[in-house]
Amino acid sequence: MKKIYANATEALDGVLTDGMMIAAGGFGLCGIPELLLEAIKDSGAQDLTFASNNAGVDDFGIGILLQTKQVKKMISSYVGENAEFMRQYLAGELELEFNPQGTLAERMRAGGAGIPGFYTKTGVGTVIAEGKEHKDFDGETYIMEEGIFADLAIVKAWKADDTGNLIFRKTARNFNVPAATCGKICIAEVEEIVPRGSLDPDAIHLPGIYVHRIIQGEHEKRIEQRTTRQKEEE
């Protein structure tokens, strides 16, 4: 089965549709599938729901899809650093489902494991718990969260072989692994594709069984925020 595609547009062909739910890897601007996001923007797909830790910034990541108003709903943990996100939400133009960060990661992981729901103490007694089932275990109250089952997962990895085995580089692993597993179809963009058998099996972070399509491309490694201090005078 062919897994390697020439570019992001080809990899999305026949997969991307209006109204679908997409699970996207990344944390801030680290490990985001920027090439696939750009191709989704160019496709013109509308009414998309994104499950992602955050929505990028105004001109990068999922932020570029907010600018073109292709996103109907965000399922996220953090919505800072994006003025257009804030504007659309406050104007009632964008649906938002807030999730505590660990809950969002576990919802993706649960979906990838075929688990429809789980109980957690996180969010009990807050607006997060409104409308959700409550259950007591050993005198402690928990709320039920549902697993995320996405139509498509898009992720960014460091290396892949032609069977789709992936290695992520350091903190860029972040949400990429759980996002990849919860999609019916997973497309990975990588910095390098290596020959089959050249990856140490013990170093593989995501087995190729989860990955359906792969592209290789150049990536822009942005720093979201840089804090420096003045050099002390000698």
Protein backbone atom coordinates (compact mmCIF):
# COMPACT_ATOMS: atom_id res chain seq x y z
CA MET A 1 0.00 0.00 0.00
CA LYS A 2 1.42 3.36 -1.09
CA LYS A 3 1.91 5.74 1.82
CA ILE A 4 4.34 8.35 0.47
CA TYR A 5 2.78 11.27 -1.41
CA ALA A 6 4.50 14.07 -3.29
CA ASN A 7 3.02 16.94 -1.31
CA ALA A 8 0.32 17.95 1.16
CA THR A 9 -2.29 18.65 -1.53
CA GLU A 10 -1.93 15.16 -2.97
CA ALA A 11 -2.01 13.59 0.49
CA LEU A 12 -5.32 15.32 1.29
CA ASP A 13 -6.92 14.41 -2.04
CA GLY A 14 -10.03 12.29 -1.55
CA VAL A 15 -9.84 12.68 2.23
CA LEU A 16 -10.73 16.29 3.00
CA THR A 17 -14.41 17.25 3.08
CA ASP A 18 -16.52 20.11 4.41
CA GLY A 19 -17.81 19.71 7.95
CA MET A 20 -15.28 17.11 9.09
CA MET A 21 -13.53 16.88 12.45
CA ILE A 22 -9.74 17.10 12.32
CA ALA A 23 -7.38 16.22 15.17
CA ALA A 24 -4.18 18.22 14.84
CA GLY A 25 -0.91 17.63 16.66
CA GLY A 26 1.32 20.34 18.03
CA PHE A 27 1.77 22.52 21.08
CA GLY A 28 2.04 26.24 20.52
CA LEU A 29 4.15 26.41 17.37
CA CYS A 30 6.13 23.27 18.24
CA GLY A 31 5.47 20.20 16.13
CA ILE A 32 2.54 21.57 14.15
CA PRO A 33 1.65 20.14 10.72
CA GLU A 34 2.10 23.47 8.95
CA LEU A 35 2.26 22.12 5.39
CA LEU A 36 -0.99 20.22 5.76
CA LEU A 37 -2.68 23.22 7.38
CA GLU A 38 -1.61 25.41 4.46
CA ALA A 39 -3.00 22.85 2.00
CA ILE A 40 -6.28 22.69 3.91
CA LYS A 41 -6.51 26.48 3.64
CA ASP A 42 -5.84 26.34 -0.09
CA SER A 43 -8.49 23.62 -0.55
CA GLY A 44 -11.25 25.96 0.63
CA ALA A 45 -12.82 23.30 2.87
CA GLN A 46 -15.45 24.86 5.15
CA ASP A 47 -17.20 24.30 8.50
CA LEU A 48 -14.29 22.38 9.99
CA THR A 49 -14.00 21.31 13.62
CA PHE A 50 -10.46 21.15 14.99
CA ALA A 51 -9.39 19.27 18.10
CA SER A 52 -6.04 20.82 18.96
CA ASN A 53 -4.28 22.05 22.07
CA ASN A 54 -4.35 25.58 20.70
CA ALA A 55 -5.08 27.52 17.52
CA GLY A 56 -1.63 28.69 16.53
CA VAL A 57 -1.06 32.40 16.07
CA ASP A 58 -2.71 34.87 13.73
CA ASP A 59 -0.57 34.08 10.68
CA PHE A 60 0.65 30.54 11.35
CA GLY A 61 -0.77 27.12 12.21
CA ILE A 62 -4.54 26.81 12.57
CA GLY A 63 -4.57 30.61 12.79
CA ILE A 64 -4.44 30.84 8.99
CA LEU A 65 -7.70 28.87 8.79
CA LEU A 66 -9.34 31.20 11.28
CA GLN A 67 -8.37 34.14 9.08
CA THR A 68 -10.25 32.58 6.15
CA LYS A 69 -13.15 31.54 8.42
CA GLN A 70 -12.88 27.87 7.47
CA VAL A 71 -13.13 26.72 11.12
CA LYS A 72 -16.58 26.35 12.67
CA LYS A 73 -15.53 24.96 16.05
CA MET A 74 -12.40 24.55 18.15
CA ILE A 75 -11.91 21.89 20.84
CA SER A 76 -8.92 23.34 22.67
CA SER A 77 -7.09 23.93 25.93
CA TYR A 78 -5.41 27.26 25.25
CA VAL A 79 -6.62 30.10 23.06
CA GLY A 80 -4.09 32.84 23.81
CA GLU A 81 -1.68 34.42 21.31
CA ASN A 82 -4.39 34.63 18.64
CA ALA A 83 -6.28 37.90 18.31
CA GLU A 84 -8.51 36.66 15.49
CA PHE A 85 -9.53 33.64 17.57
CA MET A 86 -10.54 35.95 20.39
CA ARG A 87 -12.40 38.29 18.06
CA GLN A 88 -14.41 35.51 16.41
CA TYR A 89 -15.27 33.85 19.71
CA LEU A 90 -16.41 37.06 21.39
CA ALA A 91 -18.43 37.95 18.29
CA GLY A 92 -20.21 34.59 18.36
CA GLU A 93 -18.69 33.55 15.03
CA LEU A 94 -16.73 30.56 16.40
CA GLU A 95 -17.83 27.70 18.64
CA LEU A 96 -15.41 26.82 21.43
CA GLU A 97 -15.27 23.72 23.62
CA PHE A 98 -12.72 24.23 26.38
CA ASN A 99 -10.86 21.19 27.72
CA PRO A 100 -8.23 21.01 30.44
CA GLN A 101 -4.99 20.10 28.73
CA GLY A 102 -4.65 16.62 30.23
CA THR A 103 -8.31 15.90 29.55
CA LEU A 104 -7.91 16.82 25.87
CA ALA A 105 -4.86 14.57 25.53
CA GLU A 106 -6.70 11.72 27.23
CA ARG A 107 -9.80 12.24 25.06
CA MET A 108 -7.61 11.79 21.98
CA ARG A 109 -5.81 8.81 23.48
CA ALA A 110 -9.12 7.22 24.47
CA GLY A 111 -10.50 7.64 20.97
CA GLY A 112 -7.39 6.00 19.53
CA ALA A 113 -7.83 3.08 21.94
CA GLY A 114 -11.53 2.69 21.09
CA ILE A 115 -12.66 3.92 24.51
CA PRO A 116 -15.90 5.94 24.23
CA GLY A 117 -15.64 7.66 27.61
CA PHE A 118 -13.76 7.89 30.91
CA TYR A 119 -14.07 9.54 34.31
CA THR A 120 -11.81 12.28 35.63
CA LYS A 121 -11.77 14.62 38.64
CA THR A 122 -10.41 17.47 36.52
CA GLY A 123 -13.06 20.12 36.03
CA VAL A 124 -15.42 19.03 38.80
CA GLY A 125 -17.17 22.06 40.25
CA THR A 126 -16.32 24.31 37.28
CA VAL A 127 -18.06 25.29 34.04
CA ILE A 128 -16.19 22.37 32.42
CA ALA A 129 -18.49 19.98 34.31
CA GLU A 130 -21.77 21.57 33.26
CA GLY A 131 -24.06 19.13 31.48
CA LYS A 132 -21.72 16.16 32.00
CA GLU A 133 -22.45 12.97 33.89
CA HIS A 134 -21.16 12.94 37.49
CA LYS A 135 -20.27 9.77 39.39
CA ASP A 136 -18.77 9.14 42.83
CA PHE A 137 -15.93 6.68 43.38
CA ASP A 138 -14.70 6.10 46.95
CA GLY A 139 -16.34 9.32 48.08
CA GLU A 140 -14.80 11.45 45.33
CA THR A 141 -16.82 13.01 42.49
CA TYR A 142 -15.75 12.54 38.89
CA ILE A 143 -17.14 13.72 35.56
CA MET A 144 -17.36 11.68 32.39
CA GLU A 145 -15.51 12.88 29.31
CA GLU A 146 -15.97 11.36 25.86
CA GLY A 147 -13.22 10.04 23.65
CA ILE A 148 -12.45 12.00 20.46
CA PHE A 149 -13.01 10.09 17.24
CA ALA A 150 -11.82 12.35 14.42
CA ASP A 151 -12.43 11.95 10.70
CA LEU A 152 -8.85 12.97 9.97
CA ALA A 153 -5.65 13.36 11.98
CA ILE A 154 -2.77 15.57 10.81
CA VAL A 155 0.58 15.41 12.58
CA LYS A 156 4.18 16.51 12.24
CA ALA A 157 7.11 14.14 12.87
CA TRP A 158 10.89 14.21 12.54
CA LYS A 159 11.56 10.95 10.71
CA ALA A 160 9.51 8.24 9.02
CA ASP A 161 10.17 5.13 7.01
CA ASP A 162 8.04 4.15 4.03
CA THR A 163 5.72 2.02 6.21
CA GLY A 164 4.79 5.05 8.34
CA ASN A 165 6.76 4.34 11.50
CA LEU A 166 7.36 7.75 13.08
CA ILE A 167 9.93 9.34 15.36
CA PHE A 168 9.22 12.73 16.90
CA ARG A 169 11.99 15.06 18.03
CA LYS A 170 12.00 15.83 21.75
CA THR A 171 9.09 18.06 22.88
CA ALA A 172 7.64 18.10 19.36
CA ARG A 173 6.10 14.74 20.24
CA ASN A 174 3.53 16.59 22.45
CA PHE A 175 -0.05 16.06 21.19
CA ASN A 176 1.06 14.41 17.96
CA VAL A 177 0.88 10.81 19.15
CA PRO A 178 -2.63 10.87 20.67
CA ALA A 179 -3.91 13.01 17.78
CA ALA A 180 -2.54 10.54 15.24
CA THR A 181 -4.23 7.56 16.84
CA CYS A 182 -7.73 9.05 17.10
CA GLY A 183 -8.23 9.80 13.41
CA LYS A 184 -9.89 7.41 10.96
CA ILE A 185 -7.16 8.50 8.55
CA CYS A 186 -3.82 9.90 9.67
CA ILE A 187 -1.54 12.00 7.47
CA ALA A 188 1.95 12.77 8.73
CA GLU A 189 4.35 15.38 7.42
CA VAL A 190 7.98 14.69 8.22
CA GLU A 191 11.39 16.25 7.84
CA GLU A 192 13.03 13.09 6.55
CA ILE A 193 11.97 9.74 5.09
CA VAL A 194 14.54 7.01 5.71
CA PRO A 195 14.90 3.50 4.27
CA ARG A 196 12.81 0.72 5.75
CA GLY A 197 14.68 -1.05 8.53
CA SER A 198 16.96 1.88 9.35
CA LEU A 199 14.93 3.03 12.38
CA ASP A 200 15.69 1.39 15.71
CA PRO A 201 12.44 -0.39 16.67
CA ASP A 202 12.91 0.71 20.28
CA ALA A 203 13.08 4.37 19.17
CA ILE A 204 9.79 4.43 17.24
CA HIS A 205 7.19 6.62 18.94
CA LEU A 206 4.24 5.78 16.68
CA PRO A 207 3.90 2.50 14.75
CA GLY A 208 3.12 2.74 11.05
CA ILE A 209 -0.20 0.93 11.50
CA TYR A 210 -1.67 4.28 12.60
CA VAL A 211 -0.27 6.27 9.65
CA HIS A 212 -1.95 6.12 6.24
CA ARG A 213 -0.18 8.84 4.25
CA ILE A 214 3.20 10.59 4.52
CA ILE A 215 4.73 13.70 2.97
CA GLN A 216 8.22 15.12 3.29
CA GLY A 217 8.91 18.83 3.16
CA GLU A 218 10.74 21.88 4.41
CA HIS A 219 9.48 23.26 7.72
CA GLU A 220 9.72 26.65 9.35
CA LYS A 221 10.79 26.34 12.97
CA ARG A 222 9.39 29.41 14.65
CA ILE A 223 9.93 30.52 18.22
CA GLU A 224 6.60 31.61 19.64
CA GLN A 225 8.02 33.82 22.37
CA ARG A 226 11.56 34.84 23.13
CA THR A 227 12.56 36.37 26.44
CA THR A 228 16.02 37.84 26.84
CA ARG A 229 17.81 39.97 29.40
CA GLN A 230 20.13 42.86 28.93
CA LYS A 231 23.80 42.00 28.88
CA GLU A 232 25.48 43.20 32.03
CA GLU A 233 28.08 45.84 31.46
CA GLU A 234 31.58 44.87 32.42
